[in-house]
C-alpha cells in the first residue's frame, strides 16, 4: 500500500512539472516570442529593432542571474533612457515569471 501511495504522489508531482513546462512555453509564445523569437535567438523584426538578446547564447545566459532575469521580466529594461523591454509584472504572476525564467535557461545551446 505504501508503494502505491508513493507512486501516485510521484506521478502527481511529475505531471505537475510537465504542466508547468507546457505553461512556460505557452507564456513564452504569448509574451516573449515576438521579440526574442520562438527559439530565443532574437531573430524577429522586433528583436532586431530593439537589439534583443540572443538567449540561446551561452555567454548571454552567463551574463545574468535568475534574479536579474526575474527583475527584467517584472520591471522591464531601459537602456540609455529608452525602454528596450516592457514590464510584465502587471500582467504575469510571480509563478508565471518564475516559470519563464526557468524556461529561458532551457534555451541555452
PDB file of N, CA and C in Angstrom:
ATOM      1  N   UNK A   1       0.827  -1.192   0.000  1.00  0.00           N
ATOM      2  CA  UNK A   1       0.000   0.000   0.000  1.00  0.00           C
ATOM      3  C   UNK A   1       0.872   1.258   0.000  1.00  0.00           C
ATOM      4  N   UNK A   2       1.922   1.240   0.805  1.00  0.00           N
ATOM      5  CA  UNK A   2       2.818   2.386   0.896  1.00  0.00           C
ATOM      6  C   UNK A   2       3.481   2.659  -0.464  1.00  0.00           C
ATOM      7  N   UNK A   3       3.811   1.603  -1.187  1.00  0.00           N
ATOM      8  CA  UNK A   3       4.418   1.737  -2.507  1.00  0.00           C
ATOM      9  C   UNK A   3       3.455   2.401  -3.485  1.00  0.00           C
ATOM     10  N   UNK A   4       2.203   2.042  -3.425  1.00  0.00           N
ATOM     11  CA  UNK A   4       1.197   2.628  -4.319  1.00  0.00           C
ATOM     12  C   UNK A   4       1.038   4.111  -4.030  1.00  0.00           C
ATOM     13  N   UNK A   5       0.971   4.480  -2.775  1.00  0.00           N
ATOM     14  CA  UNK A   5       0.843   5.894  -2.397  1.00  0.00           C
ATOM     15  C   UNK A   5       2.055   6.676  -2.888  1.00  0.00           C
ATOM     16  N   UNK A   6       3.237   6.127  -2.690  1.00  0.00           N
ATOM     17  CA  UNK A   6       4.456   6.786  -3.137  1.00  0.00           C
ATOM     18  C   UNK A   6       4.447   6.955  -4.653  1.00  0.00           C
ATOM     19  N   UNK A   7       4.031   5.943  -5.367  1.00  0.00           N
ATOM     20  CA  UNK A   7       3.959   6.000  -6.821  1.00  0.00           C
ATOM     21  C   UNK A   7       2.955   7.059  -7.282  1.00  0.00           C
ATOM     22  N   UNK A   8       1.799   7.101  -6.674  1.00  0.00           N
ATOM     23  CA  UNK A   8       0.777   8.083  -7.045  1.00  0.00           C
ATOM     24  C   UNK A   8       1.277   9.502  -6.784  1.00  0.00           C
ATOM     25  N   UNK A   9       1.884   9.719  -5.640  1.00  0.00           N
ATOM     26  CA  UNK A   9       2.415  11.047  -5.312  1.00  0.00           C
ATOM     27  C   UNK A   9       3.497  11.437  -6.314  1.00  0.00           C
ATOM     28  N   UNK A  10       4.371  10.509  -6.636  1.00  0.00           N
ATOM     29  CA  UNK A  10       5.441  10.781  -7.608  1.00  0.00           C
ATOM     30  C   UNK A  10       4.869  11.151  -8.972  1.00  0.00           C
ATOM     31  N   UNK A  11       3.863  10.432  -9.406  1.00  0.00           N
ATOM     32  CA  UNK A  11       3.233  10.729 -10.695  1.00  0.00           C
ATOM     33  C   UNK A  11       2.556  12.093 -10.686  1.00  0.00           C
ATOM     34  N   UNK A  12       1.918  12.441  -9.596  1.00  0.00           N
ATOM     35  CA  UNK A  12       1.280  13.752  -9.499  1.00  0.00           C
ATOM     36  C   UNK A  12       2.308  14.876  -9.556  1.00  0.00           C
ATOM     37  N   UNK A  13       3.412  14.693  -8.875  1.00  0.00           N
ATOM     38  CA  UNK A  13       4.473  15.703  -8.903  1.00  0.00           C
ATOM     39  C   UNK A  13       5.044  15.818 -10.311  1.00  0.00           C
ATOM     40  N   UNK A  14       5.332  14.714 -10.948  1.00  0.00           N
ATOM     41  CA  UNK A  14       5.890  14.718 -12.305  1.00  0.00           C
ATOM     42  C   UNK A  14       4.926  15.355 -13.297  1.00  0.00           C
ATOM     43  N   UNK A  15       3.650  15.045 -13.183  1.00  0.00           N
ATOM     44  CA  UNK A  15       2.685  15.631 -14.120  1.00  0.00           C
ATOM     45  C   UNK A  15       2.561  17.125 -13.887  1.00  0.00           C
ATOM     46  N   UNK A  16       2.683  17.568 -12.655  1.00  0.00           N
ATOM     47  CA  UNK A  16       2.654  18.996 -12.355  1.00  0.00           C
ATOM     48  C   UNK A  16       3.828  19.723 -12.976  1.00  0.00           C
ATOM     49  N   UNK A  17       4.996  19.085 -12.987  1.00  0.00           N
ATOM     50  CA  UNK A  17       6.175  19.691 -13.586  1.00  0.00           C
ATOM     51  C   UNK A  17       6.012  19.828 -15.087  1.00  0.00           C
ATOM     52  N   UNK A  18       5.459  18.814 -15.739  1.00  0.00           N
ATOM     53  CA  UNK A  18       5.308  18.893 -17.182  1.00  0.00           C
ATOM     54  C   UNK A  18       4.234  19.905 -17.560  1.00  0.00           C
ATOM     55  N   UNK A  19       3.212  20.069 -16.733  1.00  0.00           N
ATOM     56  CA  UNK A  19       2.198  21.093 -16.987  1.00  0.00           C
ATOM     57  C   UNK A  19       2.832  22.472 -16.883  1.00  0.00           C
ATOM     58  N   UNK A  20       3.678  22.679 -15.865  1.00  0.00           N
ATOM     59  CA  UNK A  20       4.354  23.963 -15.721  1.00  0.00           C
ATOM     60  C   UNK A  20       5.262  24.245 -16.908  1.00  0.00           C
ATOM     61  N   UNK A  21       5.945  23.214 -17.421  1.00  0.00           N
ATOM     62  CA  UNK A  21       6.806  23.390 -18.585  1.00  0.00           C
ATOM     63  C   UNK A  21       5.972  23.785 -19.799  1.00  0.00           C
ATOM     64  N   UNK A  22       4.840  23.146 -19.978  1.00  0.00           N
ATOM     65  CA  UNK A  22       3.947  23.494 -21.085  1.00  0.00           C
ATOM     66  C   UNK A  22       3.413  24.903 -20.901  1.00  0.00           C
ATOM     67  N   UNK A  23       3.065  25.250 -19.660  1.00  0.00           N
ATOM     68  CA  UNK A  23       2.587  26.600 -19.373  1.00  0.00           C
ATOM     69  C   UNK A  23       3.667  27.628 -19.688  1.00  0.00           C
ATOM     70  N   UNK A  24       4.901  27.341 -19.321  1.00  0.00           N
ATOM     71  CA  UNK A  24       6.001  28.268 -19.575  1.00  0.00           C
ATOM     72  C   UNK A  24       6.186  28.478 -21.072  1.00  0.00           C
ATOM     73  N   UNK A  25       6.094  27.418 -21.846  1.00  0.00           N
ATOM     74  CA  UNK A  25       6.206  27.530 -23.307  1.00  0.00           C
ATOM     75  C   UNK A  25       5.065  28.381 -23.857  1.00  0.00           C
ATOM     76  N   UNK A  26       3.862  28.167 -23.347  1.00  0.00           N
ATOM     77  CA  UNK A  26       2.720  28.973 -23.788  1.00  0.00           C
ATOM     78  C   UNK A  26       2.909  30.441 -23.389  1.00  0.00           C
ATOM     79  N   UNK A  27       3.420  30.681 -22.192  1.00  0.00           N
ATOM     80  CA  UNK A  27       3.713  32.053 -21.749  1.00  0.00           C
ATOM     81  C   UNK A  27       4.761  32.685 -22.653  1.00  0.00           C
ATOM     82  N   UNK A  28       5.794  31.910 -22.958  1.00  0.00           N
ATOM     83  CA  UNK A  28       6.859  32.402 -23.852  1.00  0.00           C
ATOM     84  C   UNK A  28       6.258  32.788 -25.204  1.00  0.00           C
ATOM     85  N   UNK A  29       5.485  31.883 -25.786  1.00  0.00           N
ATOM     86  CA  UNK A  29       4.902  32.135 -27.099  1.00  0.00           C
ATOM     87  C   UNK A  29       4.001  33.373 -27.096  1.00  0.00           C
ATOM     88  N   UNK A  30       3.260  33.559 -26.013  1.00  0.00           N
ATOM     89  CA  UNK A  30       2.307  34.668 -25.933  1.00  0.00           C
ATOM     90  C   UNK A  30       2.956  36.010 -25.593  1.00  0.00           C
ATOM     91  N   UNK A  31       4.065  35.985 -24.866  1.00  0.00           N
ATOM     92  CA  UNK A  31       4.611  37.238 -24.340  1.00  0.00           C
ATOM     93  C   UNK A  31       6.028  37.584 -24.788  1.00  0.00           C
ATOM     94  N   UNK A  32       6.813  36.608 -25.175  1.00  0.00           N
ATOM     95  CA  UNK A  32       8.243  36.838 -25.395  1.00  0.00           C
ATOM     96  C   UNK A  32       8.690  36.602 -26.833  1.00  0.00           C
ATOM     97  N   UNK A  33       8.038  35.692 -27.518  1.00  0.00           N
ATOM     98  CA  UNK A  33       8.491  35.261 -28.843  1.00  0.00           C
ATOM     99  C   UNK A  33       8.463  36.374 -29.879  1.00  0.00           C
ATOM    100  N   UNK A  34       7.612  37.367 -29.698  1.00  0.00           N
ATOM    101  CA  UNK A  34       7.533  38.456 -30.670  1.00  0.00           C
ATOM    102  C   UNK A  34       8.887  39.146 -30.825  1.00  0.00           C
ATOM    103  N   UNK A  35       9.604  39.280 -29.740  1.00  0.00           N
ATOM    104  CA  UNK A  35      10.922  39.925 -29.789  1.00  0.00           C
ATOM    105  C   UNK A  35      12.061  38.912 -29.742  1.00  0.00           C
ATOM    106  N   UNK A  36      11.970  37.969 -28.815  1.00  0.00           N
ATOM    107  CA  UNK A  36      13.069  37.029 -28.610  1.00  0.00           C
ATOM    108  C   UNK A  36      13.015  35.831 -29.558  1.00  0.00           C
ATOM    109  N   UNK A  37      11.945  35.680 -30.312  1.00  0.00           N
ATOM    110  CA  UNK A  37      11.827  34.574 -31.253  1.00  0.00           C
ATOM    111  C   UNK A  37      11.355  33.298 -30.585  1.00  0.00           C
ATOM    112  N   UNK A  38      10.819  32.404 -31.386  1.00  0.00           N
ATOM    113  CA  UNK A  38      10.309  31.123 -30.866  1.00  0.00           C
ATOM    114  C   UNK A  38      11.394  30.335 -30.151  1.00  0.00           C
ATOM    115  N   UNK A  39      12.616  30.398 -30.677  1.00  0.00           N
ATOM    116  CA  UNK A  39      13.709  29.615 -30.094  1.00  0.00           C
ATOM    117  C   UNK A  39      14.587  30.423 -29.151  1.00  0.00           C
ATOM    118  N   UNK A  40      14.337  31.724 -29.036  1.00  0.00           N
ATOM    119  CA  UNK A  40      15.114  32.567 -28.137  1.00  0.00           C
ATOM    120  C   UNK A  40      16.288  33.273 -28.787  1.00  0.00           C
ATOM    121  N   UNK A  41      16.458  33.110 -30.095  1.00  0.00           N
ATOM    122  CA  UNK A  41      17.630  33.704 -30.736  1.00  0.00           C
ATOM    123  C   UNK A  41      17.425  35.133 -31.240  1.00  0.00           C
ATOM    124  N   UNK A  42      16.305  35.738 -30.916  1.00  0.00           N
ATOM    125  CA  UNK A  42      16.015  37.154 -31.199  1.00  0.00           C
ATOM    126  C   UNK A  42      16.104  37.483 -32.684  1.00  0.00           C
ATOM    127  N   UNK A  43      15.703  36.563 -33.536  1.00  0.00           N
ATOM    128  CA  UNK A  43      15.802  36.769 -34.973  1.00  0.00           C
ATOM    129  C   UNK A  43      14.538  37.365 -35.589  1.00  0.00           C
ATOM    130  N   UNK A  44      13.721  37.976 -34.765  1.00  0.00           N
ATOM    131  CA  UNK A  44      12.488  38.593 -35.265  1.00  0.00           C
ATOM    132  C   UNK A  44      12.753  40.042 -35.671  1.00  0.00           C
ATOM    133  N   UNK A  45      11.851  40.596 -36.431  1.00  0.00           N
ATOM    134  CA  UNK A  45      11.983  42.003 -36.829  1.00  0.00           C
ATOM    135  C   UNK A  45      12.034  42.902 -35.587  1.00  0.00           C
ATOM    136  N   UNK A  46      11.118  42.657 -34.657  1.00  0.00           N
ATOM    137  CA  UNK A  46      11.083  43.470 -33.443  1.00  0.00           C
ATOM    138  C   UNK A  46      12.346  43.243 -32.611  1.00  0.00           C
ATOM    139  N   UNK A  47      12.788  41.997 -32.531  1.00  0.00           N
ATOM    140  CA  UNK A  47      14.003  41.690 -31.776  1.00  0.00           C
ATOM    141  C   UNK A  47      15.219  42.404 -32.336  1.00  0.00           C
ATOM    142  N   UNK A  48      15.317  42.445 -33.659  1.00  0.00           N
ATOM    143  CA  UNK A  48      16.436  43.141 -34.302  1.00  0.00           C
ATOM    144  C   UNK A  48      16.334  44.648 -34.078  1.00  0.00           C
ATOM    145  N   UNK A  49      15.122  45.174 -34.164  1.00  0.00           N
ATOM    146  CA  UNK A  49      14.924  46.608 -33.948  1.00  0.00           C
ATOM    147  C   UNK A  49      15.332  47.015 -32.537  1.00  0.00           C
ATOM    148  N   UNK A  50      14.952  46.200 -31.549  1.00  0.00           N
ATOM    149  CA  UNK A  50      15.240  46.522 -30.149  1.00  0.00           C
ATOM    150  C   UNK A  50      16.578  45.975 -29.666  1.00  0.00           C
ATOM    151  N   UNK A  51      17.297  45.295 -30.552  1.00  0.00           N
ATOM    152  CA  UNK A  51      18.569  44.670 -30.184  1.00  0.00           C
ATOM    153  C   UNK A  51      18.381  43.702 -29.011  1.00  0.00           C
ATOM    154  N   UNK A  52      17.343  42.872 -29.126  1.00  0.00           N
ATOM    155  CA  UNK A  52      17.041  41.883 -28.077  1.00  0.00           C
ATOM    156  C   UNK A  52      18.185  40.882 -27.970  1.00  0.00           C
ATOM    157  N   UNK A  53      18.368  40.368 -26.777  1.00  0.00           N
ATOM    158  CA  UNK A  53      19.448  39.419 -26.532  1.00  0.00           C
ATOM    159  C   UNK A  53      19.123  38.048 -27.117  1.00  0.00           C
ATOM    160  N   UNK A  54      20.156  37.408 -27.663  1.00  0.00           N
ATOM    161  CA  UNK A  54      20.048  36.039 -28.145  1.00  0.00           C
ATOM    162  C   UNK A  54      20.169  35.126 -26.927  1.00  0.00           C
ATOM    163  N   UNK A  55      19.043  34.661 -26.445  1.00  0.00           N
ATOM    164  CA  UNK A  55      19.020  33.872 -25.213  1.00  0.00           C
ATOM    165  C   UNK A  55      19.467  32.431 -25.417  1.00  0.00           C
ATOM    166  N   UNK A  56      19.831  32.072 -26.645  1.00  0.00           N
ATOM    167  CA  UNK A  56      20.412  30.752 -26.880  1.00  0.00           C
ATOM    168  C   UNK A  56      21.922  30.770 -26.659  1.00  0.00           C
ATOM    169  N   UNK A  57      22.489  31.955 -26.586  1.00  0.00           N
ATOM    170  CA  UNK A  57      23.937  32.112 -26.445  1.00  0.00           C
ATOM    171  C   UNK A  57      24.395  31.815 -25.013  1.00  0.00           C
ATOM    172  N   UNK A  58      25.349  30.897 -24.856  1.00  0.00           N
ATOM    173  CA  UNK A  58      25.870  30.606 -23.510  1.00  0.00           C
ATOM    174  C   UNK A  58      26.464  31.846 -22.831  1.00  0.00           C
ATOM    175  N   UNK A  59      27.122  32.712 -23.592  1.00  0.00           N
ATOM    176  CA  UNK A  59      27.717  33.898 -22.980  1.00  0.00           C
ATOM    177  C   UNK A  59      26.647  34.892 -22.523  1.00  0.00           C
ATOM    178  N   UNK A  60      25.573  35.012 -23.287  1.00  0.00           N
ATOM    179  CA  UNK A  60      24.460  35.875 -22.864  1.00  0.00           C
ATOM    180  C   UNK A  60      23.823  35.294 -21.605  1.00  0.00           C
ATOM    181  N   UNK A  61      23.598  33.978 -21.597  1.00  0.00           N
ATOM    182  CA  UNK A  61      22.997  33.320 -20.432  1.00  0.00           C
ATOM    183  C   UNK A  61      23.877  33.499 -19.190  1.00  0.00           C
ATOM    184  N   UNK A  62      25.185  33.444 -19.373  1.00  0.00           N
ATOM    185  CA  UNK A  62      26.101  33.605 -18.238  1.00  0.00           C
ATOM    186  C   UNK A  62      26.126  35.048 -17.732  1.00  0.00           C
ATOM    187  N   UNK A  63      25.633  35.969 -18.554  1.00  0.00           N
ATOM    188  CA  UNK A  63      25.680  37.378 -18.216  1.00  0.00           C
ATOM    189  C   UNK A  63      24.566  37.880 -17.310  1.00  0.00           C
ATOM    190  N   UNK A  64      23.663  37.010 -16.907  1.00  0.00           N
ATOM    191  CA  UNK A  64      22.608  37.440 -15.983  1.00  0.00           C
ATOM    192  C   UNK A  64      22.218  36.307 -15.051  1.00  0.00           C
ATOM    193  N   UNK A  65      21.804  36.704 -13.863  1.00  0.00           N
ATOM    194  CA  UNK A  65      21.340  35.742 -12.862  1.00  0.00           C
ATOM    195  C   UNK A  65      19.836  35.531 -13.031  1.00  0.00           C
ATOM    196  N   UNK A  66      19.329  34.512 -12.372  1.00  0.00           N
ATOM    197  CA  UNK A  66      17.877  34.307 -12.374  1.00  0.00           C
ATOM    198  C   UNK A  66      17.171  35.494 -11.739  1.00  0.00           C
ATOM    199  N   UNK A  67      17.775  36.054 -10.705  1.00  0.00           N
ATOM    200  CA  UNK A  67      17.177  37.221 -10.038  1.00  0.00           C
ATOM    201  C   UNK A  67      17.102  38.409 -10.995  1.00  0.00           C
ATOM    202  N   UNK A  68      18.148  38.616 -11.789  1.00  0.00           N
ATOM    203  CA  UNK A  68      18.157  39.715 -12.755  1.00  0.00           C
ATOM    204  C   UNK A  68      17.124  39.463 -13.857  1.00  0.00           C
ATOM    205  N   UNK A  69      17.012  38.220 -14.307  1.00  0.00           N
ATOM    206  CA  UNK A  69      16.007  37.886 -15.320  1.00  0.00           C
ATOM    207  C   UNK A  69      14.601  38.142 -14.777  1.00  0.00           C
ATOM    208  N   UNK A  70      14.373  37.741 -13.534  1.00  0.00           N
ATOM    209  CA  UNK A  70      13.078  37.977 -12.886  1.00  0.00           C
ATOM    210  C   UNK A  70      12.777  39.465 -12.831  1.00  0.00           C
ATOM    211  N   UNK A  71      13.752  40.246 -12.413  1.00  0.00           N
ATOM    212  CA  UNK A  71      13.586  41.697 -12.322  1.00  0.00           C
ATOM    213  C   UNK A  71      13.297  42.292 -13.703  1.00  0.00           C
ATOM    214  N   UNK A  72      14.010  41.837 -14.714  1.00  0.00           N
ATOM    215  CA  UNK A  72      13.821  42.364 -16.064  1.00  0.00           C
ATOM    216  C   UNK A  72      12.419  42.062 -16.585  1.00  0.00           C
ATOM    217  N   UNK A  73      11.936  40.854 -16.324  1.00  0.00           N
ATOM    218  CA  UNK A  73      10.595  40.497 -16.766  1.00  0.00           C
ATOM    219  C   UNK A  73       9.554  41.314 -16.007  1.00  0.00           C
ATOM    220  N   UNK A  74       9.732  41.436 -14.697  1.00  0.00           N
ATOM    221  CA  UNK A  74       8.767  42.184 -13.876  1.00  0.00           C
ATOM    222  C   UNK A  74       8.756  43.670 -14.194  1.00  0.00           C
ATOM    223  N   UNK A  75       9.950  44.269 -14.219  1.00  0.00           N
ATOM    224  CA  UNK A  75      10.057  45.730 -14.281  1.00  0.00           C
ATOM    225  C   UNK A  75      10.384  46.275 -15.666  1.00  0.00           C
ATOM    226  N   UNK A  76      10.727  45.386 -16.595  1.00  0.00           N
ATOM    227  CA  UNK A  76      11.147  45.831 -17.912  1.00  0.00           C
ATOM    228  C   UNK A  76      12.616  46.219 -17.909  1.00  0.00           C
ATOM    229  N   UNK A  77      13.097  46.627 -19.076  1.00  0.00           N
ATOM    230  CA  UNK A  77      14.503  47.005 -19.219  1.00  0.00           C
ATOM    231  C   UNK A  77      14.569  48.346 -19.934  1.00  0.00           C
ATOM    232  N   UNK A  78      15.375  49.247 -19.377  1.00  0.00           N
ATOM    233  CA  UNK A  78      15.636  50.536 -20.009  1.00  0.00           C
ATOM    234  C   UNK A  78      17.134  50.657 -20.200  1.00  0.00           C
ATOM    235  N   UNK A  79      17.519  51.096 -21.383  1.00  0.00           N
ATOM    236  CA  UNK A  79      18.919  51.337 -21.684  1.00  0.00           C
ATOM    237  C   UNK A  79      19.033  52.734 -22.276  1.00  0.00           C
ATOM    238  N   UNK A  80      19.883  53.548 -21.683  1.00  0.00           N
ATOM    239  CA  UNK A  80      20.075  54.922 -22.142  1.00  0.00           C
ATOM    240  C   UNK A  80      18.756  55.688 -22.197  1.00  0.00           C
ATOM    241  N   UNK A  81      17.901  55.465 -21.191  1.00  0.00           N
ATOM    242  CA  UNK A  81      16.616  56.148 -21.113  1.00  0.00           C
ATOM    243  C   UNK A  81      15.551  55.625 -22.054  1.00  0.00           C
ATOM    244  N   UNK A  82      15.866  54.604 -22.822  1.00  0.00           N
ATOM    245  CA  UNK A  82      14.919  54.043 -23.787  1.00  0.00           C
ATOM    246  C   UNK A  82      14.455  52.672 -23.304  1.00  0.00           C
ATOM    247  N   UNK A  83      13.137  52.441 -23.326  1.00  0.00           N
ATOM    248  CA  UNK A  83      12.605  51.133 -22.940  1.00  0.00           C
ATOM    249  C   UNK A  83      12.907  50.140 -24.047  1.00  0.00           C
ATOM    250  N   UNK A  84      13.699  49.108 -23.694  1.00  0.00           N
ATOM    251  CA  UNK A  84      14.033  48.079 -24.672  1.00  0.00           C
ATOM    252  C   UNK A  84      13.252  46.790 -24.423  1.00  0.00           C
ATOM    253  N   UNK A  85      12.634  46.698 -23.242  1.00  0.00           N
ATOM    254  CA  UNK A  85      11.738  45.576 -22.949  1.00  0.00           C
ATOM    255  C   UNK A  85      10.674  46.078 -21.984  1.00  0.00           C
ATOM    256  N   UNK A  86       9.429  45.874 -22.363  1.00  0.00           N
ATOM    257  CA  UNK A  86       8.355  46.347 -21.498  1.00  0.00           C
ATOM    258  C   UNK A  86       8.237  45.465 -20.257  1.00  0.00           C
ATOM    259  N   UNK A  87       7.648  46.020 -19.221  1.00  0.00           N
ATOM    260  CA  UNK A  87       7.443  45.305 -17.960  1.00  0.00           C
ATOM    261  C   UNK A  87       6.232  44.386 -18.073  1.00  0.00           C
ATOM    262  N   UNK A  88       6.358  43.203 -17.490  1.00  0.00           N
ATOM    263  CA  UNK A  88       5.269  42.232 -17.492  1.00  0.00           C
ATOM    264  C   UNK A  88       4.745  41.954 -16.086  1.00  0.00           C
ATOM    265  N   UNK A  89       5.267  42.698 -15.096  1.00  0.00           N
ATOM    266  CA  UNK A  89       4.856  42.464 -13.710  1.00  0.00           C
ATOM    267  C   UNK A  89       3.381  42.664 -13.461  1.00  0.00           C
ATOM    268  N   UNK A  90       2.743  43.539 -14.212  1.00  0.00           N
ATOM    269  CA  UNK A  90       1.317  43.767 -14.060  1.00  0.00           C
ATOM    270  C   UNK A  90       0.461  42.753 -14.794  1.00  0.00           C
ATOM    271  N   UNK A  91       1.090  41.975 -15.669  1.00  0.00           N
ATOM    272  CA  UNK A  91       0.366  41.015 -16.494  1.00  0.00           C
ATOM    273  C   UNK A  91       0.580  39.570 -16.033  1.00  0.00           C
ATOM    274  N   UNK A  92       1.784  39.268 -15.574  1.00  0.00           N
ATOM    275  CA  UNK A  92       2.147  37.899 -15.206  1.00  0.00           C
ATOM    276  C   UNK A  92       2.294  37.760 -13.695  1.00  0.00           C
ATOM    277  N   UNK A  93       1.903  36.612 -13.185  1.00  0.00           N
ATOM    278  CA  UNK A  93       2.071  36.340 -11.752  1.00  0.00           C
ATOM    279  C   UNK A  93       3.528  36.022 -11.452  1.00  0.00           C
ATOM    280  N   UNK A  94       3.887  36.025 -10.188  1.00  0.00           N
ATOM    281  CA  UNK A  94       5.244  35.655  -9.781  1.00  0.00           C
ATOM    282  C   UNK A  94       5.564  34.230 -10.220  1.00  0.00           C
ATOM    283  N   UNK A  95       4.583  33.324 -10.139  1.00  0.00           N
ATOM    284  CA  UNK A  95       4.796  31.947 -10.579  1.00  0.00           C
ATOM    285  C   UNK A  95       5.009  31.878 -12.094  1.00  0.00           C
ATOM    286  N   UNK A  96       4.279  32.691 -12.840  1.00  0.00           N
ATOM    287  CA  UNK A  96       4.474  32.744 -14.295  1.00  0.00           C
ATOM    288  C   UNK A  96       5.885  33.215 -14.628  1.00  0.00           C
ATOM    289  N   UNK A  97       6.323  34.246 -13.934  1.00  0.00           N
ATOM    290  CA  UNK A  97       7.660  34.794 -14.184  1.00  0.00           C
ATOM    291  C   UNK A  97       8.735  33.783 -13.803  1.00  0.00           C
ATOM    292  N   UNK A  98       8.543  33.103 -12.702  1.00  0.00           N
ATOM    293  CA  UNK A  98       9.497  32.064 -12.289  1.00  0.00           C
ATOM    294  C   UNK A  98       9.574  30.961 -13.346  1.00  0.00           C
ATOM    295  N   UNK A  99       8.433  30.575 -13.881  1.00  0.00           N
ATOM    296  CA  UNK A  99       8.398  29.552 -14.927  1.00  0.00           C
ATOM    297  C   UNK A  99       9.096  30.043 -16.196  1.00  0.00           C
ATOM    298  N   UNK A 100       8.918  31.314 -16.529  1.00  0.00           N
ATOM    299  CA  UNK A 100       9.582  31.864 -17.708  1.00  0.00           C
ATOM    300  C   UNK A 100      11.096  31.897 -17.536  1.00  0.00           C
ATOM    301  N   UNK A 101      11.547  32.268 -16.358  1.00  0.00           N
ATOM    302  CA  UNK A 101      12.994  32.288 -16.102  1.00  0.00           C
ATOM    303  C   UNK A 101      13.566  30.882 -16.260  1.00  0.00           C
ATOM    304  N   UNK A 102      12.887  29.901 -15.709  1.00  0.00           N
ATOM    305  CA  UNK A 102      13.338  28.508 -15.862  1.00  0.00           C
ATOM    306  C   UNK A 102      13.322  28.110 -17.337  1.00  0.00           C
ATOM    307  N   UNK A 103      12.312  28.537 -18.070  1.00  0.00           N
ATOM    308  CA  UNK A 103      12.228  28.222 -19.497  1.00  0.00           C
ATOM    309  C   UNK A 103      13.380  28.873 -20.272  1.00  0.00           C
ATOM    310  N   UNK A 104      13.682  30.116 -19.947  1.00  0.00           N
ATOM    311  CA  UNK A 104      14.790  30.814 -20.611  1.00  0.00           C
ATOM    312  C   UNK A 104      16.081  30.031 -20.454  1.00  0.00           C
ATOM    313  N   UNK A 105      16.290  29.442 -19.291  1.00  0.00           N
ATOM    314  CA  UNK A 105      17.517  28.676 -19.061  1.00  0.00           C
ATOM    315  C   UNK A 105      17.579  27.425 -19.951  1.00  0.00           C
ATOM    316  N   UNK A 106      16.440  26.939 -20.423  1.00  0.00           N
ATOM    317  CA  UNK A 106      16.452  25.755 -21.304  1.00  0.00           C
ATOM    318  C   UNK A 106      16.798  26.123 -22.738  1.00  0.00           C
ATOM    319  N   UNK A 107      16.831  27.405 -23.056  1.00  0.00           N
ATOM    320  CA  UNK A 107      17.088  27.848 -24.421  1.00  0.00           C
ATOM    321  C   UNK A 107      18.566  27.827 -24.781  1.00  0.00           C
ATOM    322  N   UNK A 108      19.429  27.806 -23.765  1.00  0.00           N
ATOM    323  CA  UNK A 108      20.880  27.854 -23.996  1.00  0.00           C
ATOM    324  C   UNK A 108      21.324  26.642 -24.799  1.00  0.00           C
ATOM    325  N   UNK A 109      22.151  26.899 -25.788  1.00  0.00           N
ATOM    326  CA  UNK A 109      22.658  25.807 -26.646  1.00  0.00           C
ATOM    327  C   UNK A 109      24.054  25.420 -26.249  1.00  0.00           C
TER     328      UNK A 109
END
